[in-house]
Amino acid sequence: MGRPTYVYTISYVATLIGENLELIQEIARNSDNIDYGEMIHAHDGSEEGITTFTDRGVESLKEFLDDIRTWEGGIRQFLANEQCDQEKIERIMADQPKS
């Protein structure tokens, strides 16, 4: 399998897969959540840089999201485990589909 020749920015991925950007950022904070080498930090001249994903990284992200949605407590529990502040949790949860 060849090396990826292009990547997707984190904000584009959120739009592409229809997910909340803050949720994707929380997942990306821990590189163990995405297959090794499929999430790439790029220096763009800013202090923070930018997080990007390969095609396989996008698939890995979607798989991770599907998985945490099966956990007891789902997305909310994942965010609590990641020690997100309550305001952020409420913003993300308000953007989640109601089921």
C-alpha atoms as a PDB file:
ATOM      1  CA  MET A   1       0.000   0.000   0.000  1.00  0.00           C
ATOM      2  CA  GLY A   2       1.387   3.382  -0.988  1.00  0.00           C
ATOM      3  CA  ARG A   3       1.802   6.373   1.229  1.00  0.00           C
ATOM      4  CA  PRO A   4      -0.996   8.931   1.386  1.00  0.00           C
ATOM      5  CA  THR A   5      -0.437  11.820  -0.975  1.00  0.00           C
ATOM      6  CA  TYR A   6      -3.056  14.091   0.546  1.00  0.00           C
ATOM      7  CA  VAL A   7      -4.761  14.678   3.881  1.00  0.00           C
ATOM      8  CA  TYR A   8      -7.938  16.345   5.132  1.00  0.00           C
ATOM      9  CA  THR A   9      -7.965  19.132   7.719  1.00  0.00           C
ATOM     10  CA  ILE A  10      -9.796  18.451  10.950  1.00  0.00           C
ATOM     11  CA  SER A  11     -12.461  21.074  10.212  1.00  0.00           C
ATOM     12  CA  TYR A  12     -13.086  19.596   6.763  1.00  0.00           C
ATOM     13  CA  VAL A  13     -13.366  16.099   8.254  1.00  0.00           C
ATOM     14  CA  ALA A  14     -15.983  17.319  10.747  1.00  0.00           C
ATOM     15  CA  THR A  15     -18.033  18.729   7.871  1.00  0.00           C
ATOM     16  CA  LEU A  16     -17.409  15.704   5.655  1.00  0.00           C
ATOM     17  CA  ILE A  17     -18.699  13.200   8.205  1.00  0.00           C
ATOM     18  CA  GLY A  18     -21.320  15.510   9.744  1.00  0.00           C
ATOM     19  CA  GLU A  19     -19.852  15.644  13.244  1.00  0.00           C
ATOM     20  CA  ASN A  20     -19.257  18.401  15.760  1.00  0.00           C
ATOM     21  CA  LEU A  21     -15.784  19.933  15.341  1.00  0.00           C
ATOM     22  CA  GLU A  22     -15.200  20.179  19.099  1.00  0.00           C
ATOM     23  CA  LEU A  23     -16.000  16.481  19.465  1.00  0.00           C
ATOM     24  CA  ILE A  24     -13.512  15.594  16.718  1.00  0.00           C
ATOM     25  CA  GLN A  25     -10.903  17.805  18.393  1.00  0.00           C
ATOM     26  CA  GLU A  26     -11.419  15.990  21.697  1.00  0.00           C
ATOM     27  CA  ILE A  27     -10.993  12.621  20.012  1.00  0.00           C
ATOM     28  CA  ALA A  28      -7.863  13.852  18.226  1.00  0.00           C
ATOM     29  CA  ARG A  29      -6.290  15.080  21.489  1.00  0.00           C
ATOM     30  CA  ASN A  30      -5.358  11.449  22.192  1.00  0.00           C
ATOM     31  CA  SER A  31      -3.530   9.957  19.226  1.00  0.00           C
ATOM     32  CA  ASP A  32      -4.291   6.456  20.552  1.00  0.00           C
ATOM     33  CA  ASN A  33      -7.908   6.966  19.432  1.00  0.00           C
ATOM     34  CA  ILE A  34      -6.938   6.900  15.730  1.00  0.00           C
ATOM     35  CA  ASP A  35      -4.894   4.270  13.878  1.00  0.00           C
ATOM     36  CA  TYR A  36      -1.176   5.041  14.106  1.00  0.00           C
ATOM     37  CA  GLY A  37       0.085   7.308  11.341  1.00  0.00           C
ATOM     38  CA  GLU A  38      -3.383   8.182  10.054  1.00  0.00           C
ATOM     39  CA  MET A  39      -3.655  11.457  11.979  1.00  0.00           C
ATOM     40  CA  ILE A  40      -0.920  13.928  11.109  1.00  0.00           C
ATOM     41  CA  HIS A  41      -0.040  17.198  12.816  1.00  0.00           C
ATOM     42  CA  ALA A  42       1.043  19.801  10.274  1.00  0.00           C
ATOM     43  CA  HIS A  43       2.891  23.002  11.066  1.00  0.00           C
ATOM     44  CA  ASP A  44       1.166  25.869   9.298  1.00  0.00           C
ATOM     45  CA  GLY A  45       3.057  28.794  10.797  1.00  0.00           C
ATOM     46  CA  SER A  46       0.595  29.226  13.663  1.00  0.00           C
ATOM     47  CA  GLU A  47       1.467  28.353  17.233  1.00  0.00           C
ATOM     48  CA  GLU A  48      -1.011  25.466  17.272  1.00  0.00           C
ATOM     49  CA  GLY A  49      -0.513  23.988  13.819  1.00  0.00           C
ATOM     50  CA  ILE A  50      -3.288  21.913  12.306  1.00  0.00           C
ATOM     51  CA  THR A  51      -4.488  18.346  12.662  1.00  0.00           C
ATOM     52  CA  THR A  52      -5.087  16.384   9.470  1.00  0.00           C
ATOM     53  CA  PHE A  53      -6.314  12.901   8.630  1.00  0.00           C
ATOM     54  CA  THR A  54      -5.546  10.475   5.831  1.00  0.00           C
ATOM     55  CA  ASP A  55      -8.396   8.566   4.147  1.00  0.00           C
ATOM     56  CA  ARG A  56      -7.805   5.701   6.571  1.00  0.00           C
ATOM     57  CA  GLY A  57      -7.690   8.215   9.435  1.00  0.00           C
ATOM     58  CA  VAL A  58     -11.190   9.427   8.527  1.00  0.00           C
ATOM     59  CA  GLU A  59     -12.404   5.816   8.512  1.00  0.00           C
ATOM     60  CA  SER A  60     -10.690   5.165  11.836  1.00  0.00           C
ATOM     61  CA  LEU A  61     -12.340   8.263  13.299  1.00  0.00           C
ATOM     62  CA  LYS A  62     -15.779   7.131  12.115  1.00  0.00           C
ATOM     63  CA  GLU A  63     -15.166   3.672  13.595  1.00  0.00           C
ATOM     64  CA  PHE A  64     -14.134   5.234  16.908  1.00  0.00           C
ATOM     65  CA  LEU A  65     -17.275   7.390  16.954  1.00  0.00           C
ATOM     66  CA  ASP A  66     -19.454   4.369  16.207  1.00  0.00           C
ATOM     67  CA  ASP A  67     -17.739   2.522  19.042  1.00  0.00           C
ATOM     68  CA  ILE A  68     -18.114   5.209  21.719  1.00  0.00           C
ATOM     69  CA  ARG A  69     -21.772   5.599  20.842  1.00  0.00           C
ATOM     70  CA  THR A  70     -22.237   1.987  22.040  1.00  0.00           C
ATOM     71  CA  TRP A  71     -20.632   2.672  25.425  1.00  0.00           C
ATOM     72  CA  GLU A  72     -22.822   3.149  28.471  1.00  0.00           C
ATOM     73  CA  GLY A  73     -23.218   6.921  28.577  1.00  0.00           C
ATOM     74  CA  GLY A  74     -21.979   7.246  24.971  1.00  0.00           C
ATOM     75  CA  ILE A  75     -20.513  10.554  23.825  1.00  0.00           C
ATOM     76  CA  ARG A  76     -21.259  12.277  27.148  1.00  0.00           C
ATOM     77  CA  GLN A  77     -19.318   9.622  29.081  1.00  0.00           C
ATOM     78  CA  PHE A  78     -16.406   9.795  26.633  1.00  0.00           C
ATOM     79  CA  LEU A  79     -16.207  13.573  27.122  1.00  0.00           C
ATOM     80  CA  ALA A  80     -16.405  13.204  30.910  1.00  0.00           C
ATOM     81  CA  ASN A  81     -13.621  10.596  30.783  1.00  0.00           C
ATOM     82  CA  GLU A  82     -11.550  13.077  28.767  1.00  0.00           C
ATOM     83  CA  GLN A  83     -12.115  15.624  31.564  1.00  0.00           C
ATOM     84  CA  CYS A  84     -13.871  18.161  29.361  1.00  0.00           C
ATOM     85  CA  ASP A  85     -15.428  21.086  31.144  1.00  0.00           C
ATOM     86  CA  GLN A  86     -19.196  20.967  31.541  1.00  0.00           C
ATOM     87  CA  GLU A  87     -19.819  23.878  29.144  1.00  0.00           C
ATOM     88  CA  LYS A  88     -17.978  22.107  26.336  1.00  0.00           C
ATOM     89  CA  ILE A  89     -19.840  18.865  27.042  1.00  0.00           C
ATOM     90  CA  GLU A  90     -23.185  20.679  26.851  1.00  0.00           C
ATOM     91  CA  ARG A  91     -22.228  22.448  23.583  1.00  0.00           C
ATOM     92  CA  ILE A  92     -21.213  19.159  21.978  1.00  0.00           C
ATOM     93  CA  MET A  93     -24.243  17.277  23.289  1.00  0.00           C
ATOM     94  CA  ALA A  94     -26.603  20.004  22.047  1.00  0.00           C
ATOM     95  CA  ASP A  95     -25.210  19.372  18.557  1.00  0.00           C
ATOM     96  CA  GLN A  96     -25.739  15.585  18.692  1.00  0.00           C
ATOM     97  CA  PRO A  97     -28.666  13.930  16.895  1.00  0.00           C
ATOM     98  CA  LYS A  98     -31.560  13.144  19.192  1.00  0.00           C
ATOM     99  CA  SER A  99     -32.401   9.437  19.253  1.00  0.00           C
END
